[in-house]
Amino acid sequence: MKRIIKTDNAPKPIGPYNQAVVAGNFMFISGQIALNPKNGELITHNIIDETTQVMENLKSILNEASLTFEDVVKTTIFLSSMNDFNDVNKIYGSYLNKETAPARETVEVSGLPAGVNVEISMIVML
């Protein structure tokens, strides 16, 4: 049986999906983009602020399930340009403990929802 995780502290889904779903011993967090949940503003003016908002959205979903970044076992980062890799990596890494960081891949894609530059999804162990 699955359980849906929802919080007002992260953006509402912009399509037919949920912020996160718990199934068995894992939580699957949908890809988050830089939508500010308080005012609906899409942050794309620079990659640092955009990535920070994405990570804050992920943190809010983790908090709603009483979890932290320490519980994350797998991350996927989607970038519109690998030229942003170093800046995204710096912000992403600031939220994680290097010793316990999750497995990860980072891929460049031809397009992301709403024209954003970064989207991040996570798999979390309960």
PDB file of N, CA and C in Angstrom:
ATOM      1  N   MET A   1       0.847  -1.193   0.000  1.00  0.00           N
ATOM      2  CA  MET A   1       0.000   0.000   0.000  1.00  0.00           C
ATOM      3  C   MET A   1       0.883   1.243   0.000  1.00  0.00           C
ATOM      4  N   LYS A   2       0.476   2.247  -0.719  1.00  0.00           N
ATOM      5  CA  LYS A   2       1.264   3.467  -0.771  1.00  0.00           C
ATOM      6  C   LYS A   2       0.594   4.574   0.050  1.00  0.00           C
ATOM      7  N   ARG A   3       1.435   5.529   0.469  1.00  0.00           N
ATOM      8  CA  ARG A   3       0.962   6.677   1.235  1.00  0.00           C
ATOM      9  C   ARG A   3       1.479   7.933   0.541  1.00  0.00           C
ATOM     10  N   ILE A   4       0.607   8.914   0.378  1.00  0.00           N
ATOM     11  CA  ILE A   4       0.949  10.164  -0.298  1.00  0.00           C
ATOM     12  C   ILE A   4       1.456  11.173   0.729  1.00  0.00           C
ATOM     13  N   ILE A   5       2.553  11.854   0.390  1.00  0.00           N
ATOM     14  CA  ILE A   5       3.100  12.909   1.234  1.00  0.00           C
ATOM     15  C   ILE A   5       2.803  14.242   0.557  1.00  0.00           C
ATOM     16  N   LYS A   6       2.208  15.174   1.316  1.00  0.00           N
ATOM     17  CA  LYS A   6       1.870  16.504   0.807  1.00  0.00           C
ATOM     18  C   LYS A   6       2.227  17.541   1.861  1.00  0.00           C
ATOM     19  N   THR A   7       2.741  18.671   1.419  1.00  0.00           N
ATOM     20  CA  THR A   7       2.993  19.786   2.316  1.00  0.00           C
ATOM     21  C   THR A   7       2.750  21.096   1.586  1.00  0.00           C
ATOM     22  N   ASP A   8       2.253  22.085   2.310  1.00  0.00           N
ATOM     23  CA  ASP A   8       2.076  23.420   1.743  1.00  0.00           C
ATOM     24  C   ASP A   8       3.407  24.167   1.676  1.00  0.00           C
ATOM     25  N   ASN A   9       4.465  23.594   2.279  1.00  0.00           N
ATOM     26  CA  ASN A   9       5.777  24.228   2.305  1.00  0.00           C
ATOM     27  C   ASN A   9       6.628  23.890   1.082  1.00  0.00           C
ATOM     28  N   ALA A  10       6.045  23.163   0.138  1.00  0.00           N
ATOM     29  CA  ALA A  10       6.677  22.868  -1.148  1.00  0.00           C
ATOM     30  C   ALA A  10       5.622  23.139  -2.213  1.00  0.00           C
ATOM     31  N   PRO A  11       6.055  23.371  -3.446  1.00  0.00           N
ATOM     32  CA  PRO A  11       5.083  23.694  -4.498  1.00  0.00           C
ATOM     33  C   PRO A  11       4.063  22.582  -4.729  1.00  0.00           C
ATOM     34  N   LYS A  12       2.840  23.004  -4.991  1.00  0.00           N
ATOM     35  CA  LYS A  12       1.818  22.040  -5.390  1.00  0.00           C
ATOM     36  C   LYS A  12       2.210  21.457  -6.749  1.00  0.00           C
ATOM     37  N   PRO A  13       1.910  20.204  -6.989  1.00  0.00           N
ATOM     38  CA  PRO A  13       2.216  19.607  -8.296  1.00  0.00           C
ATOM     39  C   PRO A  13       1.562  20.387  -9.436  1.00  0.00           C
ATOM     40  N   ILE A  14       2.273  20.485 -10.555  1.00  0.00           N
ATOM     41  CA  ILE A  14       1.731  21.192 -11.723  1.00  0.00           C
ATOM     42  C   ILE A  14       1.189  20.210 -12.756  1.00  0.00           C
ATOM     43  N   GLY A  15       1.010  18.963 -12.329  1.00  0.00           N
ATOM     44  CA  GLY A  15       0.481  17.925 -13.206  1.00  0.00           C
ATOM     45  C   GLY A  15      -0.115  16.804 -12.384  1.00  0.00           C
ATOM     46  N   PRO A  16      -0.440  15.685 -13.026  1.00  0.00           N
ATOM     47  CA  PRO A  16      -1.055  14.555 -12.326  1.00  0.00           C
ATOM     48  C   PRO A  16      -0.023  13.693 -11.598  1.00  0.00           C
ATOM     49  N   TYR A  17       0.527  14.235 -10.517  1.00  0.00           N
ATOM     50  CA  TYR A  17       1.490  13.519  -9.674  1.00  0.00           C
ATOM     51  C   TYR A  17       1.437  14.110  -8.271  1.00  0.00           C
ATOM     52  N   ASN A  18       2.086  13.469  -7.316  1.00  0.00           N
ATOM     53  CA  ASN A  18       2.165  13.959  -5.946  1.00  0.00           C
ATOM     54  C   ASN A  18       3.589  14.388  -5.637  1.00  0.00           C
ATOM     55  N   GLN A  19       3.739  15.194  -4.587  1.00  0.00           N
ATOM     56  CA  GLN A  19       5.069  15.628  -4.173  1.00  0.00           C
ATOM     57  C   GLN A  19       5.944  14.426  -3.831  1.00  0.00           C
ATOM     58  N   ALA A  20       5.366  13.474  -3.120  1.00  0.00           N
ATOM     59  CA  ALA A  20       6.117  12.273  -2.754  1.00  0.00           C
ATOM     60  C   ALA A  20       5.154  11.134  -2.461  1.00  0.00           C
ATOM     61  N   VAL A  21       5.661   9.920  -2.646  1.00  0.00           N
ATOM     62  CA  VAL A  21       4.882   8.713  -2.370  1.00  0.00           C
ATOM     63  C   VAL A  21       5.752   7.765  -1.556  1.00  0.00           C
ATOM     64  N   VAL A  22       5.193   7.256  -0.458  1.00  0.00           N
ATOM     65  CA  VAL A  22       5.855   6.235   0.348  1.00  0.00           C
ATOM     66  C   VAL A  22       5.323   4.887  -0.095  1.00  0.00           C
ATOM     67  N   ALA A  23       6.244   3.981  -0.388  1.00  0.00           N
ATOM     68  CA  ALA A  23       5.894   2.609  -0.764  1.00  0.00           C
ATOM     69  C   ALA A  23       6.917   1.695  -0.103  1.00  0.00           C
ATOM     70  N   GLY A  24       6.433   0.797   0.723  1.00  0.00           N
ATOM     71  CA  GLY A  24       7.355  -0.079   1.440  1.00  0.00           C
ATOM     72  C   GLY A  24       8.268   0.734   2.340  1.00  0.00           C
ATOM     73  N   ASN A  25       9.563   0.493   2.239  1.00  0.00           N
ATOM     74  CA  ASN A  25      10.537   1.197   3.076  1.00  0.00           C
ATOM     75  C   ASN A  25      11.166   2.388   2.378  1.00  0.00           C
ATOM     76  N   PHE A  26      10.529   2.867   1.312  1.00  0.00           N
ATOM     77  CA  PHE A  26      11.105   3.963   0.551  1.00  0.00           C
ATOM     78  C   PHE A  26      10.093   5.071   0.296  1.00  0.00           C
ATOM     79  N   MET A  27      10.615   6.289   0.182  1.00  0.00           N
ATOM     80  CA  MET A  27       9.815   7.425  -0.252  1.00  0.00           C
ATOM     81  C   MET A  27      10.440   7.921  -1.556  1.00  0.00           C
ATOM     82  N   PHE A  28       9.591   8.162  -2.537  1.00  0.00           N
ATOM     83  CA  PHE A  28      10.015   8.641  -3.842  1.00  0.00           C
ATOM     84  C   PHE A  28       9.534  10.081  -3.982  1.00  0.00           C
ATOM     85  N   ILE A  29      10.478  11.023  -4.051  1.00  0.00           N
ATOM     86  CA  ILE A  29      10.128  12.439  -4.174  1.00  0.00           C
ATOM     87  C   ILE A  29      10.160  12.830  -5.646  1.00  0.00           C
ATOM     88  N   SER A  30       9.049  13.367  -6.110  1.00  0.00           N
ATOM     89  CA  SER A  30       8.962  13.832  -7.492  1.00  0.00           C
ATOM     90  C   SER A  30       9.977  14.938  -7.738  1.00  0.00           C
ATOM     91  N   GLY A  31      10.376  15.076  -8.994  1.00  0.00           N
ATOM     92  CA  GLY A  31      11.314  16.123  -9.353  1.00  0.00           C
ATOM     93  C   GLY A  31      10.793  17.482  -8.928  1.00  0.00           C
ATOM     94  N   GLN A  32      11.645  18.222  -8.236  1.00  0.00           N
ATOM     95  CA  GLN A  32      11.283  19.554  -7.766  1.00  0.00           C
ATOM     96  C   GLN A  32      11.990  20.600  -8.607  1.00  0.00           C
ATOM     97  N   ILE A  33      11.245  21.655  -8.921  1.00  0.00           N
ATOM     98  CA  ILE A  33      11.802  22.791  -9.629  1.00  0.00           C
ATOM     99  C   ILE A  33      11.748  23.994  -8.692  1.00  0.00           C
ATOM    100  N   ALA A  34      12.253  25.116  -9.150  1.00  0.00           N
ATOM    101  CA  ALA A  34      12.394  26.292  -8.288  1.00  0.00           C
ATOM    102  C   ALA A  34      11.138  27.144  -8.222  1.00  0.00           C
ATOM    103  N   LEU A  35      10.040  26.538  -7.832  1.00  0.00           N
ATOM    104  CA  LEU A  35       8.805  27.273  -7.567  1.00  0.00           C
ATOM    105  C   LEU A  35       8.765  27.616  -6.091  1.00  0.00           C
ATOM    106  N   ASN A  36       8.590  28.882  -5.790  1.00  0.00           N
ATOM    107  CA  ASN A  36       8.453  29.304  -4.403  1.00  0.00           C
ATOM    108  C   ASN A  36       7.028  28.977  -3.954  1.00  0.00           C
ATOM    109  N   PRO A  37       6.859  28.099  -2.952  1.00  0.00           N
ATOM    110  CA  PRO A  37       5.510  27.683  -2.555  1.00  0.00           C
ATOM    111  C   PRO A  37       4.701  28.792  -1.891  1.00  0.00           C
ATOM    112  N   LYS A  38       5.369  29.823  -1.391  1.00  0.00           N
ATOM    113  CA  LYS A  38       4.647  30.896  -0.703  1.00  0.00           C
ATOM    114  C   LYS A  38       3.951  31.851  -1.665  1.00  0.00           C
ATOM    115  N   ASN A  39       4.595  32.129  -2.800  1.00  0.00           N
ATOM    116  CA  ASN A  39       4.014  33.105  -3.718  1.00  0.00           C
ATOM    117  C   ASN A  39       3.858  32.601  -5.158  1.00  0.00           C
ATOM    118  N   GLY A  40       4.258  31.353  -5.418  1.00  0.00           N
ATOM    119  CA  GLY A  40       4.134  30.780  -6.745  1.00  0.00           C
ATOM    120  C   GLY A  40       5.146  31.290  -7.756  1.00  0.00           C
ATOM    121  N   GLU A  41       6.105  32.105  -7.295  1.00  0.00           N
ATOM    122  CA  GLU A  41       7.122  32.659  -8.191  1.00  0.00           C
ATOM    123  C   GLU A  41       8.081  31.565  -8.655  1.00  0.00           C
ATOM    124  N   LEU A  42       8.363  31.556  -9.924  1.00  0.00           N
ATOM    125  CA  LEU A  42       9.344  30.649 -10.504  1.00  0.00           C
ATOM    126  C   LEU A  42      10.684  31.371 -10.528  1.00  0.00           C
ATOM    127  N   ILE A  43      11.676  30.786  -9.885  1.00  0.00           N
ATOM    128  CA  ILE A  43      12.983  31.423  -9.756  1.00  0.00           C
ATOM    129  C   ILE A  43      13.923  30.850 -10.811  1.00  0.00           C
ATOM    130  N   THR A  44      14.264  31.674 -11.796  1.00  0.00           N
ATOM    131  CA  THR A  44      15.173  31.223 -12.854  1.00  0.00           C
ATOM    132  C   THR A  44      16.217  32.287 -13.198  1.00  0.00           C
ATOM    133  N   HIS A  45      16.310  33.355 -12.410  1.00  0.00           N
ATOM    134  CA  HIS A  45      17.221  34.452 -12.759  1.00  0.00           C
ATOM    135  C   HIS A  45      18.701  34.108 -12.585  1.00  0.00           C
ATOM    136  N   ASN A  46      19.016  33.163 -11.699  1.00  0.00           N
ATOM    137  CA  ASN A  46      20.392  32.643 -11.627  1.00  0.00           C
ATOM    138  C   ASN A  46      20.373  31.243 -11.037  1.00  0.00           C
ATOM    139  N   ILE A  47      21.340  30.451 -11.416  1.00  0.00           N
ATOM    140  CA  ILE A  47      21.341  29.022 -11.061  1.00  0.00           C
ATOM    141  C   ILE A  47      21.545  28.789  -9.571  1.00  0.00           C
ATOM    142  N   ILE A  48      22.241  29.686  -8.879  1.00  0.00           N
ATOM    143  CA  ILE A  48      22.459  29.541  -7.436  1.00  0.00           C
ATOM    144  C   ILE A  48      21.124  29.638  -6.697  1.00  0.00           C
ATOM    145  N   ASP A  49      20.375  30.702  -6.958  1.00  0.00           N
ATOM    146  CA  ASP A  49      19.074  30.878  -6.301  1.00  0.00           C
ATOM    147  C   ASP A  49      18.085  29.798  -6.727  1.00  0.00           C
ATOM    148  N   GLU A  50      18.157  29.420  -7.984  1.00  0.00           N
ATOM    149  CA  GLU A  50      17.254  28.383  -8.492  1.00  0.00           C
ATOM    150  C   GLU A  50      17.512  27.055  -7.785  1.00  0.00           C
ATOM    151  N   THR A  51      18.765  26.669  -7.678  1.00  0.00           N
ATOM    152  CA  THR A  51      19.108  25.406  -7.012  1.00  0.00           C
ATOM    153  C   THR A  51      18.779  25.458  -5.536  1.00  0.00           C
ATOM    154  N   THR A  52      19.017  26.594  -4.904  1.00  0.00           N
ATOM    155  CA  THR A  52      18.690  26.747  -3.474  1.00  0.00           C
ATOM    156  C   THR A  52      17.201  26.533  -3.245  1.00  0.00           C
ATOM    157  N   GLN A  53      16.347  27.107  -4.107  1.00  0.00           N
ATOM    158  CA  GLN A  53      14.901  26.915  -3.952  1.00  0.00           C
ATOM    159  C   GLN A  53      14.511  25.459  -4.156  1.00  0.00           C
ATOM    160  N   VAL A  54      15.128  24.796  -5.125  1.00  0.00           N
ATOM    161  CA  VAL A  54      14.858  23.376  -5.347  1.00  0.00           C
ATOM    162  C   VAL A  54      15.200  22.577  -4.090  1.00  0.00           C
ATOM    163  N   MET A  55      16.361  22.833  -3.517  1.00  0.00           N
ATOM    164  CA  MET A  55      16.786  22.094  -2.320  1.00  0.00           C
ATOM    165  C   MET A  55      15.877  22.404  -1.131  1.00  0.00           C
ATOM    166  N   GLU A  56      15.430  23.635  -1.008  1.00  0.00           N
ATOM    167  CA  GLU A  56      14.495  23.989   0.074  1.00  0.00           C
ATOM    168  C   GLU A  56      13.155  23.274  -0.117  1.00  0.00           C
ATOM    169  N   ASN A  57      12.707  23.145  -1.355  1.00  0.00           N
ATOM    170  CA  ASN A  57      11.471  22.400  -1.624  1.00  0.00           C
ATOM    171  C   ASN A  57      11.630  20.933  -1.237  1.00  0.00           C
ATOM    172  N   LEU A  58      12.758  20.344  -1.595  1.00  0.00           N
ATOM    173  CA  LEU A  58      13.028  18.954  -1.214  1.00  0.00           C
ATOM    174  C   LEU A  58      13.094  18.807   0.303  1.00  0.00           C
ATOM    175  N   LYS A  59      13.752  19.741   0.953  1.00  0.00           N
ATOM    176  CA  LYS A  59      13.868  19.723   2.424  1.00  0.00           C
ATOM    177  C   LYS A  59      12.485  19.773   3.077  1.00  0.00           C
ATOM    178  N   SER A  60      11.592  20.594   2.542  1.00  0.00           N
ATOM    179  CA  SER A  60      10.234  20.696   3.092  1.00  0.00           C
ATOM    180  C   SER A  60       9.470  19.382   2.971  1.00  0.00           C
ATOM    181  N   ILE A  61       9.635  18.705   1.859  1.00  0.00           N
ATOM    182  CA  ILE A  61       8.968  17.408   1.677  1.00  0.00           C
ATOM    183  C   ILE A  61       9.562  16.379   2.634  1.00  0.00           C
ATOM    184  N   LEU A  62      10.874  16.363   2.764  1.00  0.00           N
ATOM    185  CA  LEU A  62      11.517  15.461   3.731  1.00  0.00           C
ATOM    186  C   LEU A  62      11.011  15.740   5.139  1.00  0.00           C
ATOM    187  N   ASN A  63      10.958  17.016   5.516  1.00  0.00           N
ATOM    188  CA  ASN A  63      10.487  17.394   6.856  1.00  0.00           C
ATOM    189  C   ASN A  63       9.056  16.938   7.100  1.00  0.00           C
ATOM    190  N   GLU A  64       8.213  17.033   6.094  1.00  0.00           N
ATOM    191  CA  GLU A  64       6.810  16.608   6.238  1.00  0.00           C
ATOM    192  C   GLU A  64       6.717  15.127   6.588  1.00  0.00           C
ATOM    193  N   ALA A  65       7.679  14.344   6.131  1.00  0.00           N
ATOM    194  CA  ALA A  65       7.710  12.907   6.416  1.00  0.00           C
ATOM    195  C   ALA A  65       8.642  12.585   7.595  1.00  0.00           C
ATOM    196  N   SER A  66       9.047  13.622   8.337  1.00  0.00           N
ATOM    197  CA  SER A  66       9.962  13.457   9.485  1.00  0.00           C
ATOM    198  C   SER A  66      11.280  12.816   9.080  1.00  0.00           C
ATOM    199  N   LEU A  67      11.795  13.224   7.912  1.00  0.00           N
ATOM    200  CA  LEU A  67      13.048  12.713   7.394  1.00  0.00           C
ATOM    201  C   LEU A  67      13.993  13.875   7.120  1.00  0.00           C
ATOM    202  N   THR A  68      15.260  13.557   6.823  1.00  0.00           N
ATOM    203  CA  THR A  68      16.257  14.572   6.510  1.00  0.00           C
ATOM    204  C   THR A  68      17.053  14.129   5.274  1.00  0.00           C
ATOM    205  N   PHE A  69      17.955  14.979   4.837  1.00  0.00           N
ATOM    206  CA  PHE A  69      18.823  14.620   3.718  1.00  0.00           C
ATOM    207  C   PHE A  69      19.704  13.419   4.059  1.00  0.00           C
ATOM    208  N   GLU A  70      19.914  13.150   5.332  1.00  0.00           N
ATOM    209  CA  GLU A  70      20.685  11.969   5.754  1.00  0.00           C
ATOM    210  C   GLU A  70      20.008  10.669   5.334  1.00  0.00           C
ATOM    211  N   ASP A  71      18.696  10.708   5.132  1.00  0.00           N
ATOM    212  CA  ASP A  71      17.931   9.509   4.774  1.00  0.00           C
ATOM    213  C   ASP A  71      17.873   9.267   3.266  1.00  0.00           C
ATOM    214  N   VAL A  72      18.349  10.216   2.479  1.00  0.00           N
ATOM    215  CA  VAL A  72      18.302  10.098   1.018  1.00  0.00           C
ATOM    216  C   VAL A  72      19.333   9.075   0.546  1.00  0.00           C
ATOM    217  N   VAL A  73      18.888   8.137  -0.293  1.00  0.00           N
ATOM    218  CA  VAL A  73      19.801   7.106  -0.809  1.00  0.00           C
ATOM    219  C   VAL A  73      20.129   7.294  -2.287  1.00  0.00           C
ATOM    220  N   LYS A  74      19.314   8.063  -3.019  1.00  0.00           N
ATOM    221  CA  LYS A  74      19.544   8.228  -4.457  1.00  0.00           C
ATOM    222  C   LYS A  74      18.974   9.564  -4.913  1.00  0.00           C
ATOM    223  N   THR A  75      19.753  10.268  -5.696  1.00  0.00           N
ATOM    224  CA  THR A  75      19.328  11.554  -6.244  1.00  0.00           C
ATOM    225  C   THR A  75      19.556  11.567  -7.751  1.00  0.00           C
ATOM    226  N   THR A  76      18.635  12.194  -8.454  1.00  0.00           N
ATOM    227  CA  THR A  76      18.830  12.450  -9.878  1.00  0.00           C
ATOM    228  C   THR A  76      18.717  13.954 -10.097  1.00  0.00           C
ATOM    229  N   ILE A  77      19.739  14.512 -10.728  1.00  0.00           N
ATOM    230  CA  ILE A  77      19.746  15.935 -11.052  1.00  0.00           C
ATOM    231  C   ILE A  77      19.659  16.073 -12.569  1.00  0.00           C
ATOM    232  N   PHE A  78      18.674  16.843 -13.009  1.00  0.00           N
ATOM    233  CA  PHE A  78      18.489  17.138 -14.430  1.00  0.00           C
ATOM    234  C   PHE A  78      18.884  18.594 -14.658  1.00  0.00           C
ATOM    235  N   LEU A  79      19.783  18.826 -15.601  1.00  0.00           N
ATOM    236  CA  LEU A  79      20.232  20.177 -15.930  1.00  0.00           C
ATOM    237  C   LEU A  79      19.921  20.492 -17.383  1.00  0.00           C
ATOM    238  N   SER A  80      19.552  21.741 -17.644  1.00  0.00           N
ATOM    239  CA  SER A  80      19.373  22.158 -19.030  1.00  0.00           C
ATOM    240  C   SER A  80      20.729  22.418 -19.691  1.00  0.00           C
ATOM    241  N   SER A  81      21.764  22.624 -18.859  1.00  0.00           N
ATOM    242  CA  SER A  81      23.119  22.826 -19.383  1.00  0.00           C
ATOM    243  C   SER A  81      24.151  22.340 -18.377  1.00  0.00           C
ATOM    244  N   MET A  82      25.081  21.527 -18.826  1.00  0.00           N
ATOM    245  CA  MET A  82      26.170  21.076 -17.959  1.00  0.00           C
ATOM    246  C   MET A  82      27.095  22.220 -17.561  1.00  0.00           C
ATOM    247  N   ASN A  83      26.948  23.367 -18.209  1.00  0.00           N
ATOM    248  CA  ASN A  83      27.719  24.533 -17.798  1.00  0.00           C
ATOM    249  C   ASN A  83      27.359  24.978 -16.385  1.00  0.00           C
ATOM    250  N   ASP A  84      26.182  24.568 -15.902  1.00  0.00           N
ATOM    251  CA  ASP A  84      25.737  24.915 -14.548  1.00  0.00           C
ATOM    252  C   ASP A  84      26.162  23.885 -13.500  1.00  0.00           C
ATOM    253  N   PHE A  85      26.820  22.821 -13.930  1.00  0.00           N
ATOM    254  CA  PHE A  85      27.141  21.707 -13.039  1.00  0.00           C
ATOM    255  C   PHE A  85      27.864  22.153 -11.769  1.00  0.00           C
ATOM    256  N   ASN A  86      28.916  22.931 -11.866  1.00  0.00           N
ATOM    257  CA  ASN A  86      29.701  23.306 -10.687  1.00  0.00           C
ATOM    258  C   ASN A  86      28.884  24.110  -9.679  1.00  0.00           C
ATOM    259  N   ASP A  87      28.100  25.069 -10.159  1.00  0.00           N
ATOM    260  CA  ASP A  87      27.275  25.868  -9.252  1.00  0.00           C
ATOM    261  C   ASP A  87      26.188  25.023  -8.591  1.00  0.00           C
ATOM    262  N   VAL A  88      25.532  24.170  -9.372  1.00  0.00           N
ATOM    263  CA  VAL A  88      24.497  23.288  -8.813  1.00  0.00           C
ATOM    264  C   VAL A  88      25.123  22.338  -7.803  1.00  0.00           C
ATOM    265  N   ASN A  89      26.258  21.774  -8.141  1.00  0.00           N
ATOM    266  CA  ASN A  89      26.942  20.837  -7.259  1.00  0.00           C
ATOM    267  C   ASN A  89      27.313  21.498  -5.932  1.00  0.00           C
ATOM    268  N   LYS A  90      27.757  22.744  -5.984  1.00  0.00           N
ATOM    269  CA  LYS A  90      28.130  23.476  -4.764  1.00  0.00           C
ATOM    270  C   LYS A  90      26.931  23.647  -3.834  1.00  0.00           C
ATOM    271  N   ILE A  91      25.806  24.101  -4.380  1.00  0.00           N
ATOM    272  CA  ILE A  91      24.603  24.294  -3.555  1.00  0.00           C
ATOM    273  C   ILE A  91      24.072  22.953  -3.070  1.00  0.00           C
ATOM    274  N   TYR A  92      23.931  21.994  -3.965  1.00  0.00           N
ATOM    275  CA  TYR A  92      23.461  20.647  -3.605  1.00  0.00           C
ATOM    276  C   TYR A  92      24.327  20.085  -2.480  1.00  0.00           C
ATOM    277  N   GLY A  93      25.638  20.164  -2.628  1.00  0.00           N
ATOM    278  CA  GLY A  93      26.554  19.623  -1.632  1.00  0.00           C
ATOM    279  C   GLY A  93      26.470  20.311  -0.285  1.00  0.00           C
ATOM    280  N   SER A  94      26.052  21.565  -0.265  1.00  0.00           N
ATOM    281  CA  SER A  94      25.952  22.290   1.010  1.00  0.00           C
ATOM    282  C   SER A  94      24.825  21.769   1.894  1.00  0.00           C
ATOM    283  N   TYR A  95      23.895  21.014   1.335  1.00  0.00           N
ATOM    284  CA  TYR A  95      22.776  20.440   2.084  1.00  0.00           C
ATOM    285  C   TYR A  95      23.076  19.025   2.588  1.00  0.00           C
ATOM    286  N   LEU A  96      24.198  18.454   2.152  1.00  0.00           N
ATOM    287  CA  LEU A  96      24.484  17.051   2.433  1.00  0.00           C
ATOM    288  C   LEU A  96      25.779  16.881   3.210  1.00  0.00           C
ATOM    289  N   ASN A  97      25.861  15.771   3.924  1.00  0.00           N
ATOM    290  CA  ASN A  97      27.084  15.361   4.586  1.00  0.00           C
ATOM    291  C   ASN A  97      27.876  14.539   3.573  1.00  0.00           C
ATOM    292  N   LYS A  98      29.095  14.975   3.253  1.00  0.00           N
ATOM    293  CA  LYS A  98      29.889  14.272   2.234  1.00  0.00           C
ATOM    294  C   LYS A  98      30.081  12.792   2.559  1.00  0.00           C
ATOM    295  N   GLU A  99      30.219  12.468   3.818  1.00  0.00           N
ATOM    296  CA  GLU A  99      30.481  11.086   4.225  1.00  0.00           C
ATOM    297  C   GLU A  99      29.281  10.176   4.012  1.00  0.00           C
ATOM    298  N   THR A 100      28.082  10.734   4.071  1.00  0.00           N
ATOM    299  CA  THR A 100      26.864   9.919   3.950  1.00  0.00           C
ATOM    300  C   THR A 100      26.014  10.326   2.746  1.00  0.00           C
ATOM    301  N   ALA A 101      26.610  11.057   1.823  1.00  0.00           N
ATOM    302  CA  ALA A 101      25.868  11.531   0.646  1.00  0.00           C
ATOM    303  C   ALA A 101      25.284  10.352  -0.138  1.00  0.00           C
ATOM    304  N   PRO A 102      24.127  10.573  -0.775  1.00  0.00           N
ATOM    305  CA  PRO A 102      23.487   9.495  -1.535  1.00  0.00           C
ATOM    306  C   PRO A 102      24.199   9.215  -2.857  1.00  0.00           C
ATOM    307  N   ALA A 103      23.837   8.112  -3.473  1.00  0.00           N
ATOM    308  CA  ALA A 103      24.241   7.853  -4.861  1.00  0.00           C
ATOM    309  C   ALA A 103      23.553   8.906  -5.721  1.00  0.00           C
ATOM    310  N   ARG A 104      24.150   9.195  -6.898  1.00  0.00           N
ATOM    311  CA  ARG A 104      23.592  10.282  -7.700  1.00  0.00           C
ATOM    312  C   ARG A 104      24.030  10.171  -9.151  1.00  0.00           C
ATOM    313  N   GLU A 105      23.163  10.669 -10.031  1.00  0.00           N
ATOM    314  CA  GLU A 105      23.583  10.946 -11.391  1.00  0.00           C
ATOM    315  C   GLU A 105      23.096  12.339 -11.728  1.00  0.00           C
ATOM    316  N   THR A 106      23.835  12.958 -12.628  1.00  0.00           N
ATOM    317  CA  THR A 106      23.469  14.285 -13.130  1.00  0.00           C
ATOM    318  C   THR A 106      23.472  14.191 -14.646  1.00  0.00           C
ATOM    319  N   VAL A 107      22.368  14.575 -15.248  1.00  0.00           N
ATOM    320  CA  VAL A 107      22.253  14.473 -16.695  1.00  0.00           C
ATOM    321  C   VAL A 107      21.785  15.798 -17.289  1.00  0.00           C
ATOM    322  N   GLU A 108      22.278  16.083 -18.469  1.00  0.00           N
ATOM    323  CA  GLU A 108      21.813  17.241 -19.228  1.00  0.00           C
ATOM    324  C   GLU A 108      20.654  16.781 -20.112  1.00  0.00           C
ATOM    325  N   VAL A 109      19.597  17.570 -20.107  1.00  0.00           N
ATOM    326  CA  VAL A 109      18.419  17.248 -20.906  1.00  0.00           C
ATOM    327  C   VAL A 109      18.098  18.416 -21.837  1.00  0.00           C
ATOM    328  N   SER A 110      17.317  18.147 -22.854  1.00  0.00           N
ATOM    329  CA  SER A 110      17.029  19.196 -23.834  1.00  0.00           C
ATOM    330  C   SER A 110      15.990  20.195 -23.346  1.00  0.00           C
ATOM    331  N   GLY A 111      15.241  19.845 -22.319  1.00  0.00           N
ATOM    332  CA  GLY A 111      14.243  20.765 -21.789  1.00  0.00           C
ATOM    333  C   GLY A 111      13.688  20.272 -20.474  1.00  0.00           C
ATOM    334  N   LEU A 112      13.253  21.215 -19.639  1.00  0.00           N
ATOM    335  CA  LEU A 112      12.654  20.900 -18.344  1.00  0.00           C
ATOM    336  C   LEU A 112      11.338  21.670 -18.210  1.00  0.00           C
ATOM    337  N   PRO A 113      10.455  21.224 -17.298  1.00  0.00           N
ATOM    338  CA  PRO A 113       9.157  21.887 -17.136  1.00  0.00           C
ATOM    339  C   PRO A 113       9.306  23.390 -16.863  1.00  0.00           C
ATOM    340  N   ALA A 114       8.435  24.158 -17.436  1.00  0.00           N
ATOM    341  CA  ALA A 114       8.359  25.603 -17.225  1.00  0.00           C
ATOM    342  C   ALA A 114       9.651  26.332 -17.610  1.00  0.00           C
ATOM    343  N   GLY A 115      10.498  25.697 -18.402  1.00  0.00           N
ATOM    344  CA  GLY A 115      11.726  26.334 -18.844  1.00  0.00           C
ATOM    345  C   GLY A 115      12.780  26.516 -17.774  1.00  0.00           C
ATOM    346  N   VAL A 116      12.708  25.712 -16.707  1.00  0.00           N
ATOM    347  CA  VAL A 116      13.694  25.828 -15.620  1.00  0.00           C
ATOM    348  C   VAL A 116      15.040  25.269 -16.064  1.00  0.00           C
ATOM    349  N   ASN A 117      16.052  25.513 -15.243  1.00  0.00           N
ATOM    350  CA  ASN A 117      17.412  25.071 -15.553  1.00  0.00           C
ATOM    351  C   ASN A 117      17.844  23.848 -14.763  1.00  0.00           C
ATOM    352  N   VAL A 118      17.123  23.548 -13.668  1.00  0.00           N
ATOM    353  CA  VAL A 118      17.491  22.407 -12.817  1.00  0.00           C
ATOM    354  C   VAL A 118      16.223  21.792 -12.218  1.00  0.00           C
ATOM    355  N   GLU A 119      16.217  20.478 -12.148  1.00  0.00           N
ATOM    356  CA  GLU A 119      15.158  19.714 -11.488  1.00  0.00           C
ATOM    357  C   GLU A 119      15.847  18.564 -10.760  1.00  0.00           C
ATOM    358  N   ILE A 120      15.408  18.323  -9.520  1.00  0.00           N
ATOM    359  CA  ILE A 120      16.024  17.269  -8.712  1.00  0.00           C
ATOM    360  C   ILE A 120      14.947  16.379  -8.116  1.00  0.00           C
ATOM    361  N   SER A 121      15.137  15.050  -8.242  1.00  0.00           N
ATOM    362  CA  SER A 121      14.269  14.069  -7.600  1.00  0.00           C
ATOM    363  C   SER A 121      15.113  13.230  -6.637  1.00  0.00           C
ATOM    364  N   MET A 122      14.444  12.581  -5.688  1.00  0.00           N
ATOM    365  CA  MET A 122      15.150  11.799  -4.683  1.00  0.00           C
ATOM    366  C   MET A 122      14.409  10.518  -4.319  1.00  0.00           C
ATOM    367  N   ILE A 123      15.184   9.529  -3.917  1.00  0.00           N
ATOM    368  CA  ILE A 123      14.647   8.307  -3.310  1.00  0.00           C
ATOM    369  C   ILE A 123      15.208   8.274  -1.889  1.00  0.00           C
ATOM    370  N   VAL A 124      14.313   8.036  -0.947  1.00  0.00           N
ATOM    371  CA  VAL A 124      14.650   8.128   0.463  1.00  0.00           C
ATOM    372  C   VAL A 124      14.316   6.819   1.166  1.00  0.00           C
ATOM    373  N   MET A 125      15.189   6.385   2.055  1.00  0.00           N
ATOM    374  CA  MET A 125      14.918   5.182   2.833  1.00  0.00           C
ATOM    375  C   MET A 125      14.296   5.576   4.170  1.00  0.00           C
ATOM    376  N   LEU A 126      13.214   4.918   4.509  1.00  0.00           N
ATOM    377  CA  LEU A 126      12.526   5.232   5.764  1.00  0.00           C
ATOM    378  C   LEU A 126      13.208   4.559   6.952  1.00  0.00           C
TER     379      LEU A 126
END
